[in-house]
């Protein structure tokens, strides 16, 4: 550990200490993690007409739980609707 501290202290500003700290002897780069998709890549905006009574209930319910709640409720309702046998 003292050797490492001495290398850091004695390193000139032009010489990078980081290359000495990182072991690249295996010669392969670590694999990058897959990028998390953005909300806009997973969702599409749409305009629909909702009955007044249902809209009031949706607004009331979603205001209690915060941002994204309307989207969650509508997506869940559509999933249930499409998963039920006709």
PDB file of N, CA and C in Angstrom:
ATOM      1  N   UNK A   1       0.828  -1.183   0.000  1.00  0.00           N
ATOM      2  CA  UNK A   1       0.000   0.000   0.000  1.00  0.00           C
ATOM      3  C   UNK A   1       0.876   1.252   0.000  1.00  0.00           C
ATOM      4  N   UNK A   2       1.981   1.218   0.739  1.00  0.00           N
ATOM      5  CA  UNK A   2       2.883   2.361   0.767  1.00  0.00           C
ATOM      6  C   UNK A   2       3.488   2.625  -0.609  1.00  0.00           C
ATOM      7  N   UNK A   3       3.770   1.527  -1.351  1.00  0.00           N
ATOM      8  CA  UNK A   3       4.300   1.703  -2.706  1.00  0.00           C
ATOM      9  C   UNK A   3       3.304   2.457  -3.579  1.00  0.00           C
ATOM     10  N   UNK A   4       2.043   2.112  -3.449  1.00  0.00           N
ATOM     11  CA  UNK A   4       0.999   2.756  -4.224  1.00  0.00           C
ATOM     12  C   UNK A   4       0.883   4.231  -3.851  1.00  0.00           C
ATOM     13  N   UNK A   5       0.924   4.526  -2.572  1.00  0.00           N
ATOM     14  CA  UNK A   5       0.854   5.919  -2.113  1.00  0.00           C
ATOM     15  C   UNK A   5       2.036   6.720  -2.654  1.00  0.00           C
ATOM     16  N   UNK A   6       3.211   6.120  -2.642  1.00  0.00           N
ATOM     17  CA  UNK A   6       4.401   6.803  -3.148  1.00  0.00           C
ATOM     18  C   UNK A   6       4.298   7.055  -4.645  1.00  0.00           C
ATOM     19  N   UNK A   7       3.741   6.102  -5.403  1.00  0.00           N
ATOM     20  CA  UNK A   7       3.554   6.300  -6.841  1.00  0.00           C
ATOM     21  C   UNK A   7       2.615   7.469  -7.106  1.00  0.00           C
ATOM     22  N   UNK A   8       1.561   7.537  -6.321  1.00  0.00           N
ATOM     23  CA  UNK A   8       0.597   8.617  -6.505  1.00  0.00           C
ATOM     24  C   UNK A   8       1.229   9.963  -6.173  1.00  0.00           C
ATOM     25  N   UNK A   9       1.970  10.010  -5.094  1.00  0.00           N
ATOM     26  CA  UNK A   9       2.619  11.268  -4.682  1.00  0.00           C
ATOM     27  C   UNK A   9       3.676  11.714  -5.682  1.00  0.00           C
ATOM     28  N   UNK A  10       4.430  10.749  -6.232  1.00  0.00           N
ATOM     29  CA  UNK A  10       5.544  11.108  -7.103  1.00  0.00           C
ATOM     30  C   UNK A  10       5.152  11.249  -8.570  1.00  0.00           C
ATOM     31  N   UNK A  11       3.941  10.927  -8.901  1.00  0.00           N
ATOM     32  CA  UNK A  11       3.515  10.996 -10.302  1.00  0.00           C
ATOM     33  C   UNK A  11       3.491  12.441 -10.775  1.00  0.00           C
ATOM     34  N   UNK A  12       4.026  12.642 -11.953  1.00  0.00           N
ATOM     35  CA  UNK A  12       3.988  13.988 -12.516  1.00  0.00           C
ATOM     36  C   UNK A  12       2.604  14.244 -13.079  1.00  0.00           C
ATOM     37  N   UNK A  13       2.282  15.479 -13.390  1.00  0.00           N
ATOM     38  CA  UNK A  13       0.958  15.827 -13.895  1.00  0.00           C
ATOM     39  C   UNK A  13       0.707  15.243 -15.280  1.00  0.00           C
ATOM     40  N   UNK A  14       1.759  14.945 -16.032  1.00  0.00           N
ATOM     41  CA  UNK A  14       1.574  14.394 -17.371  1.00  0.00           C
ATOM     42  C   UNK A  14       1.406  12.875 -17.359  1.00  0.00           C
ATOM     43  N   UNK A  15       1.779  12.236 -16.278  1.00  0.00           N
ATOM     44  CA  UNK A  15       1.705  10.782 -16.196  1.00  0.00           C
ATOM     45  C   UNK A  15       0.442  10.376 -15.431  1.00  0.00           C
ATOM     46  N   UNK A  16      -0.315   9.471 -15.982  1.00  0.00           N
ATOM     47  CA  UNK A  16      -1.544   9.022 -15.346  1.00  0.00           C
ATOM     48  C   UNK A  16      -1.257   7.867 -14.399  1.00  0.00           C
ATOM     49  N   UNK A  17      -1.707   7.989 -13.189  1.00  0.00           N
ATOM     50  CA  UNK A  17      -1.557   6.930 -12.204  1.00  0.00           C
ATOM     51  C   UNK A  17      -2.613   5.857 -12.431  1.00  0.00           C
ATOM     52  N   UNK A  18      -3.729   6.254 -13.002  1.00  0.00           N
ATOM     53  CA  UNK A  18      -4.835   5.325 -13.167  1.00  0.00           C
ATOM     54  C   UNK A  18      -4.454   4.101 -13.984  1.00  0.00           C
ATOM     55  N   UNK A  19      -3.633   4.268 -14.994  1.00  0.00           N
ATOM     56  CA  UNK A  19      -3.253   3.122 -15.816  1.00  0.00           C
ATOM     57  C   UNK A  19      -2.462   2.104 -15.008  1.00  0.00           C
ATOM     58  N   UNK A  20      -1.769   2.543 -13.986  1.00  0.00           N
ATOM     59  CA  UNK A  20      -1.019   1.629 -13.140  1.00  0.00           C
ATOM     60  C   UNK A  20      -1.926   0.916 -12.146  1.00  0.00           C
ATOM     61  N   UNK A  21      -3.066   1.498 -11.840  1.00  0.00           N
ATOM     62  CA  UNK A  21      -3.984   0.913 -10.876  1.00  0.00           C
ATOM     63  C   UNK A  21      -4.930  -0.099 -11.507  1.00  0.00           C
ATOM     64  N   UNK A  22      -5.136  -0.014 -12.805  1.00  0.00           N
ATOM     65  CA  UNK A  22      -6.086  -0.877 -13.496  1.00  0.00           C
ATOM     66  C   UNK A  22      -5.346  -2.012 -14.165  1.00  0.00           C
ATOM     67  N   UNK A  23      -5.770  -3.240 -13.888  1.00  0.00           N
ATOM     68  CA  UNK A  23      -5.147  -4.419 -14.460  1.00  0.00           C
ATOM     69  C   UNK A  23      -5.815  -4.743 -15.790  1.00  0.00           C
ATOM     70  N   UNK A  24      -5.109  -4.510 -16.886  1.00  0.00           N
ATOM     71  CA  UNK A  24      -5.615  -4.818 -18.217  1.00  0.00           C
ATOM     72  C   UNK A  24      -4.904  -6.021 -18.815  1.00  0.00           C
ATOM     73  N   UNK A  25      -4.318  -6.851 -17.984  1.00  0.00           N
ATOM     74  CA  UNK A  25      -3.512  -7.963 -18.473  1.00  0.00           C
ATOM     75  C   UNK A  25      -4.343  -9.029 -19.179  1.00  0.00           C
ATOM     76  N   UNK A  26      -5.630  -9.122 -18.899  1.00  0.00           N
ATOM     77  CA  UNK A  26      -6.455 -10.137 -19.541  1.00  0.00           C
ATOM     78  C   UNK A  26      -6.806  -9.750 -20.980  1.00  0.00           C
ATOM     79  N   UNK A  27      -6.631  -8.511 -21.364  1.00  0.00           N
ATOM     80  CA  UNK A  27      -6.737  -8.077 -22.743  1.00  0.00           C
ATOM     81  C   UNK A  27      -8.136  -7.938 -23.309  1.00  0.00           C
ATOM     82  N   UNK A  28      -9.166  -8.156 -22.523  1.00  0.00           N
ATOM     83  CA  UNK A  28     -10.521  -7.988 -23.041  1.00  0.00           C
ATOM     84  C   UNK A  28     -11.228  -6.870 -22.297  1.00  0.00           C
ATOM     85  N   UNK A  29     -12.087  -6.202 -23.017  1.00  0.00           N
ATOM     86  CA  UNK A  29     -12.850  -5.123 -22.396  1.00  0.00           C
ATOM     87  C   UNK A  29     -14.059  -5.719 -21.686  1.00  0.00           C
ATOM     88  N   UNK A  30     -14.458  -5.131 -20.563  1.00  0.00           N
ATOM     89  CA  UNK A  30     -15.678  -5.617 -19.907  1.00  0.00           C
ATOM     90  C   UNK A  30     -16.889  -5.304 -20.787  1.00  0.00           C
ATOM     91  N   UNK A  31     -17.862  -6.208 -20.799  1.00  0.00           N
ATOM     92  CA  UNK A  31     -19.057  -6.003 -21.618  1.00  0.00           C
ATOM     93  C   UNK A  31     -19.911  -4.899 -21.015  1.00  0.00           C
ATOM     94  N   UNK A  32     -20.419  -4.035 -21.875  1.00  0.00           N
ATOM     95  CA  UNK A  32     -21.293  -2.963 -21.426  1.00  0.00           C
ATOM     96  C   UNK A  32     -22.669  -3.540 -21.118  1.00  0.00           C
ATOM     97  N   UNK A  33     -23.294  -3.016 -20.078  1.00  0.00           N
ATOM     98  CA  UNK A  33     -24.639  -3.444 -19.734  1.00  0.00           C
ATOM     99  C   UNK A  33     -25.613  -2.917 -20.771  1.00  0.00           C
ATOM    100  N   UNK A  34     -26.677  -3.659 -21.040  1.00  0.00           N
ATOM    101  CA  UNK A  34     -27.650  -3.157 -22.007  1.00  0.00           C
ATOM    102  C   UNK A  34     -28.292  -1.869 -21.507  1.00  0.00           C
ATOM    103  N   UNK A  35     -28.522  -0.949 -22.428  1.00  0.00           N
ATOM    104  CA  UNK A  35     -29.087   0.351 -22.089  1.00  0.00           C
ATOM    105  C   UNK A  35     -30.558   0.196 -21.743  1.00  0.00           C
ATOM    106  N   UNK A  36     -30.986   0.831 -20.673  1.00  0.00           N
ATOM    107  CA  UNK A  36     -32.391   0.820 -20.291  1.00  0.00           C
ATOM    108  C   UNK A  36     -33.158   1.705 -21.267  1.00  0.00           C
ATOM    109  N   UNK A  37     -34.264   1.179 -21.793  1.00  0.00           N
ATOM    110  CA  UNK A  37     -35.045   1.938 -22.761  1.00  0.00           C
ATOM    111  C   UNK A  37     -35.744   3.102 -22.080  1.00  0.00           C
ATOM    112  N   UNK A  38     -35.865   4.189 -22.823  1.00  0.00           N
ATOM    113  CA  UNK A  38     -36.540   5.375 -22.318  1.00  0.00           C
ATOM    114  C   UNK A  38     -38.046   5.149 -22.319  1.00  0.00           C
ATOM    115  N   UNK A  39     -38.745   5.901 -21.495  1.00  0.00           N
ATOM    116  CA  UNK A  39     -40.196   5.813 -21.392  1.00  0.00           C
ATOM    117  C   UNK A  39     -40.832   5.976 -22.769  1.00  0.00           C
ATOM    118  N   UNK A  40     -40.355   6.936 -23.532  1.00  0.00           N
ATOM    119  CA  UNK A  40     -40.919   7.229 -24.849  1.00  0.00           C
ATOM    120  C   UNK A  40     -40.710   6.091 -25.844  1.00  0.00           C
ATOM    121  N   UNK A  41     -39.716   5.238 -25.599  1.00  0.00           N
ATOM    122  CA  UNK A  41     -39.480   4.090 -26.474  1.00  0.00           C
ATOM    123  C   UNK A  41     -40.433   2.934 -26.163  1.00  0.00           C
ATOM    124  N   UNK A  42     -40.991   2.937 -24.954  1.00  0.00           N
ATOM    125  CA  UNK A  42     -41.870   1.862 -24.526  1.00  0.00           C
ATOM    126  C   UNK A  42     -43.345   2.240 -24.561  1.00  0.00           C
ATOM    127  N   UNK A  43     -43.638   3.517 -24.708  1.00  0.00           N
ATOM    128  CA  UNK A  43     -45.015   4.003 -24.656  1.00  0.00           C
ATOM    129  C   UNK A  43     -45.297   4.927 -25.842  1.00  0.00           C
ATOM    130  N   UNK A  44     -46.577   5.021 -26.184  1.00  0.00           N
ATOM    131  CA  UNK A  44     -47.002   5.926 -27.236  1.00  0.00           C
ATOM    132  C   UNK A  44     -48.187   6.729 -26.723  1.00  0.00           C
ATOM    133  N   UNK A  45     -48.176   8.016 -26.997  1.00  0.00           N
ATOM    134  CA  UNK A  45     -49.240   8.901 -26.559  1.00  0.00           C
ATOM    135  C   UNK A  45     -50.439   8.759 -27.492  1.00  0.00           C
ATOM    136  N   UNK A  46     -51.652   8.815 -26.892  1.00  0.00           N
ATOM    137  CA  UNK A  46     -52.876   8.698 -27.672  1.00  0.00           C
ATOM    138  C   UNK A  46     -53.952   9.564 -27.023  1.00  0.00           C
ATOM    139  N   UNK A  47     -54.884  10.016 -27.815  1.00  0.00           N
ATOM    140  CA  UNK A  47     -55.997  10.812 -27.307  1.00  0.00           C
ATOM    141  C   UNK A  47     -57.261   9.991 -27.440  1.00  0.00           C
ATOM    142  N   UNK A  48     -58.019   9.896 -26.364  1.00  0.00           N
ATOM    143  CA  UNK A  48     -59.264   9.137 -26.363  1.00  0.00           C
ATOM    144  C   UNK A  48     -60.345   9.931 -25.645  1.00  0.00           C
ATOM    145  N   UNK A  49     -61.579   9.548 -25.885  1.00  0.00           N
ATOM    146  CA  UNK A  49     -62.713  10.147 -25.200  1.00  0.00           C
ATOM    147  C   UNK A  49     -63.132   9.211 -24.076  1.00  0.00           C
ATOM    148  N   UNK A  50     -63.272   9.772 -22.862  1.00  0.00           N
ATOM    149  CA  UNK A  50     -63.654   8.993 -21.684  1.00  0.00           C
ATOM    150  C   UNK A  50     -64.936   9.599 -21.124  1.00  0.00           C
ATOM    151  N   UNK A  51     -65.854   8.739 -20.730  1.00  0.00           N
ATOM    152  CA  UNK A  51     -67.092   9.223 -20.123  1.00  0.00           C
ATOM    153  C   UNK A  51     -66.766  10.082 -18.900  1.00  0.00           C
ATOM    154  N   UNK A  52     -67.545  11.132 -18.678  1.00  0.00           N
ATOM    155  CA  UNK A  52     -67.288  12.092 -17.593  1.00  0.00           C
ATOM    156  C   UNK A  52     -67.155  11.406 -16.236  1.00  0.00           C
ATOM    157  N   UNK A  53     -68.059  10.487 -15.944  1.00  0.00           N
ATOM    158  CA  UNK A  53     -68.036   9.812 -14.644  1.00  0.00           C
ATOM    159  C   UNK A  53     -66.744   9.008 -14.461  1.00  0.00           C
ATOM    160  N   UNK A  54     -66.353   8.301 -15.517  1.00  0.00           N
ATOM    161  CA  UNK A  54     -65.116   7.518 -15.449  1.00  0.00           C
ATOM    162  C   UNK A  54     -63.889   8.425 -15.359  1.00  0.00           C
ATOM    163  N   UNK A  55     -63.924   9.538 -16.075  1.00  0.00           N
ATOM    164  CA  UNK A  55     -62.808  10.499 -16.040  1.00  0.00           C
ATOM    165  C   UNK A  55     -62.647  11.073 -14.640  1.00  0.00           C
ATOM    166  N   UNK A  56     -63.758  11.409 -13.989  1.00  0.00           N
ATOM    167  CA  UNK A  56     -63.700  11.939 -12.622  1.00  0.00           C
ATOM    168  C   UNK A  56     -63.106  10.918 -11.663  1.00  0.00           C
ATOM    169  N   UNK A  57     -63.518   9.654 -11.806  1.00  0.00           N
ATOM    170  CA  UNK A  57     -62.962   8.596 -10.949  1.00  0.00           C
ATOM    171  C   UNK A  57     -61.475   8.390 -11.213  1.00  0.00           C
ATOM    172  N   UNK A  58     -61.104   8.423 -12.493  1.00  0.00           N
ATOM    173  CA  UNK A  58     -59.695   8.259 -12.861  1.00  0.00           C
ATOM    174  C   UNK A  58     -58.852   9.389 -12.282  1.00  0.00           C
ATOM    175  N   UNK A  59     -59.327  10.616 -12.418  1.00  0.00           N
ATOM    176  CA  UNK A  59     -58.598  11.767 -11.874  1.00  0.00           C
ATOM    177  C   UNK A  59     -58.479  11.689 -10.353  1.00  0.00           C
ATOM    178  N   UNK A  60     -59.567  11.317  -9.698  1.00  0.00           N
ATOM    179  CA  UNK A  60     -59.568  11.218  -8.239  1.00  0.00           C
ATOM    180  C   UNK A  60     -58.583  10.151  -7.757  1.00  0.00           C
ATOM    181  N   UNK A  61     -58.649   8.982  -8.372  1.00  0.00           N
ATOM    182  CA  UNK A  61     -57.772   7.878  -7.985  1.00  0.00           C
ATOM    183  C   UNK A  61     -56.303   8.213  -8.255  1.00  0.00           C
ATOM    184  N   UNK A  62     -56.024   8.790  -9.409  1.00  0.00           N
ATOM    185  CA  UNK A  62     -54.631   9.052  -9.774  1.00  0.00           C
ATOM    186  C   UNK A  62     -54.026  10.186  -8.960  1.00  0.00           C
ATOM    187  N   UNK A  63     -54.843  11.136  -8.500  1.00  0.00           N
ATOM    188  CA  UNK A  63     -54.291  12.241  -7.715  1.00  0.00           C
ATOM    189  C   UNK A  63     -53.809  11.764  -6.345  1.00  0.00           C
ATOM    190  N   UNK A  64     -54.386  10.677  -5.852  1.00  0.00           N
ATOM    191  CA  UNK A  64     -53.977  10.132  -4.553  1.00  0.00           C
ATOM    192  C   UNK A  64     -52.591   9.501  -4.619  1.00  0.00           C
ATOM    193  N   UNK A  65     -52.237   8.927  -5.777  1.00  0.00           N
ATOM    194  CA  UNK A  65     -51.000   8.158  -5.875  1.00  0.00           C
ATOM    195  C   UNK A  65     -49.895   8.849  -6.658  1.00  0.00           C
ATOM    196  N   UNK A  66     -50.200   9.939  -7.327  1.00  0.00           N
ATOM    197  CA  UNK A  66     -49.146  10.714  -7.959  1.00  0.00           C
ATOM    198  C   UNK A  66     -48.894  10.411  -9.417  1.00  0.00           C
ATOM    199  N   UNK A  67     -47.755  10.895  -9.852  1.00  0.00           N
ATOM    200  CA  UNK A  67     -47.361  10.856 -11.262  1.00  0.00           C
ATOM    201  C   UNK A  67     -47.323   9.435 -11.817  1.00  0.00           C
ATOM    202  N   UNK A  68     -47.856   9.284 -13.029  1.00  0.00           N
ATOM    203  CA  UNK A  68     -47.818   8.004 -13.714  1.00  0.00           C
ATOM    204  C   UNK A  68     -48.957   7.069 -13.367  1.00  0.00           C
ATOM    205  N   UNK A  69     -49.792   7.459 -12.431  1.00  0.00           N
ATOM    206  CA  UNK A  69     -50.849   6.567 -11.975  1.00  0.00           C
ATOM    207  C   UNK A  69     -51.937   6.377 -13.038  1.00  0.00           C
ATOM    208  N   UNK A  70     -52.295   7.422 -13.767  1.00  0.00           N
ATOM    209  CA  UNK A  70     -53.296   7.278 -14.832  1.00  0.00           C
ATOM    210  C   UNK A  70     -52.799   6.290 -15.887  1.00  0.00           C
ATOM    211  N   UNK A  71     -51.551   6.413 -16.265  1.00  0.00           N
ATOM    212  CA  UNK A  71     -50.959   5.511 -17.254  1.00  0.00           C
ATOM    213  C   UNK A  71     -51.016   4.077 -16.754  1.00  0.00           C
ATOM    214  N   UNK A  72     -50.662   3.872 -15.492  1.00  0.00           N
ATOM    215  CA  UNK A  72     -50.672   2.525 -14.919  1.00  0.00           C
ATOM    216  C   UNK A  72     -52.085   1.943 -14.917  1.00  0.00           C
ATOM    217  N   UNK A  73     -53.065   2.746 -14.490  1.00  0.00           N
ATOM    218  CA  UNK A  73     -54.449   2.273 -14.415  1.00  0.00           C
ATOM    219  C   UNK A  73     -54.965   1.896 -15.802  1.00  0.00           C
ATOM    220  N   UNK A  74     -54.756   2.760 -16.776  1.00  0.00           N
ATOM    221  CA  UNK A  74     -55.261   2.503 -18.126  1.00  0.00           C
ATOM    222  C   UNK A  74     -54.564   1.299 -18.751  1.00  0.00           C
ATOM    223  N   UNK A  75     -53.249   1.192 -18.584  1.00  0.00           N
ATOM    224  CA  UNK A  75     -52.530   0.039 -19.132  1.00  0.00           C
ATOM    225  C   UNK A  75     -53.012  -1.263 -18.482  1.00  0.00           C
ATOM    226  N   UNK A  76     -53.225  -1.248 -17.173  1.00  0.00           N
ATOM    227  CA  UNK A  76     -53.703  -2.443 -16.482  1.00  0.00           C
ATOM    228  C   UNK A  76     -55.104  -2.829 -16.959  1.00  0.00           C
ATOM    229  N   UNK A  77     -55.983  -1.836 -17.127  1.00  0.00           N
ATOM    230  CA  UNK A  77     -57.342  -2.107 -17.600  1.00  0.00           C
ATOM    231  C   UNK A  77     -57.318  -2.701 -19.014  1.00  0.00           C
ATOM    232  N   UNK A  78     -56.479  -2.153 -19.889  1.00  0.00           N
ATOM    233  CA  UNK A  78     -56.385  -2.672 -21.251  1.00  0.00           C
ATOM    234  C   UNK A  78     -55.807  -4.090 -21.279  1.00  0.00           C
ATOM    235  N   UNK A  79     -54.804  -4.351 -20.427  1.00  0.00           N
ATOM    236  CA  UNK A  79     -54.241  -5.704 -20.348  1.00  0.00           C
ATOM    237  C   UNK A  79     -55.319  -6.705 -19.944  1.00  0.00           C
ATOM    238  N   UNK A  80     -56.109  -6.354 -18.928  1.00  0.00           N
ATOM    239  CA  UNK A  80     -57.182  -7.236 -18.472  1.00  0.00           C
ATOM    240  C   UNK A  80     -58.229  -7.425 -19.574  1.00  0.00           C
ATOM    241  N   UNK A  81     -58.595  -6.367 -20.239  1.00  0.00           N
ATOM    242  CA  UNK A  81     -59.598  -6.427 -21.298  1.00  0.00           C
ATOM    243  C   UNK A  81     -59.150  -7.370 -22.414  1.00  0.00           C
ATOM    244  N   UNK A  82     -57.894  -7.236 -22.847  1.00  0.00           N
ATOM    245  CA  UNK A  82     -57.402  -8.041 -23.955  1.00  0.00           C
ATOM    246  C   UNK A  82     -57.031  -9.461 -23.554  1.00  0.00           C
ATOM    247  N   UNK A  83     -56.813  -9.731 -22.293  1.00  0.00           N
ATOM    248  CA  UNK A  83     -56.450 -11.084 -21.861  1.00  0.00           C
ATOM    249  C   UNK A  83     -57.681 -11.948 -21.599  1.00  0.00           C
ATOM    250  N   UNK A  84     -58.856 -11.351 -21.430  1.00  0.00           N
ATOM    251  CA  UNK A  84     -60.075 -12.113 -21.196  1.00  0.00           C
ATOM    252  C   UNK A  84     -60.571 -12.707 -22.509  1.00  0.00           C
ATOM    253  N   UNK A  85     -61.066 -13.946 -22.439  1.00  0.00           N
ATOM    254  CA  UNK A  85     -61.619 -14.544 -23.669  1.00  0.00           C
ATOM    255  C   UNK A  85     -62.875 -13.795 -24.115  1.00  0.00           C
ATOM    256  N   UNK A  86     -63.044 -13.651 -25.397  1.00  0.00           N
ATOM    257  CA  UNK A  86     -64.196 -12.916 -25.938  1.00  0.00           C
ATOM    258  C   UNK A  86     -65.466 -13.720 -25.836  1.00  0.00           C
TER     259      UNK A  86
END
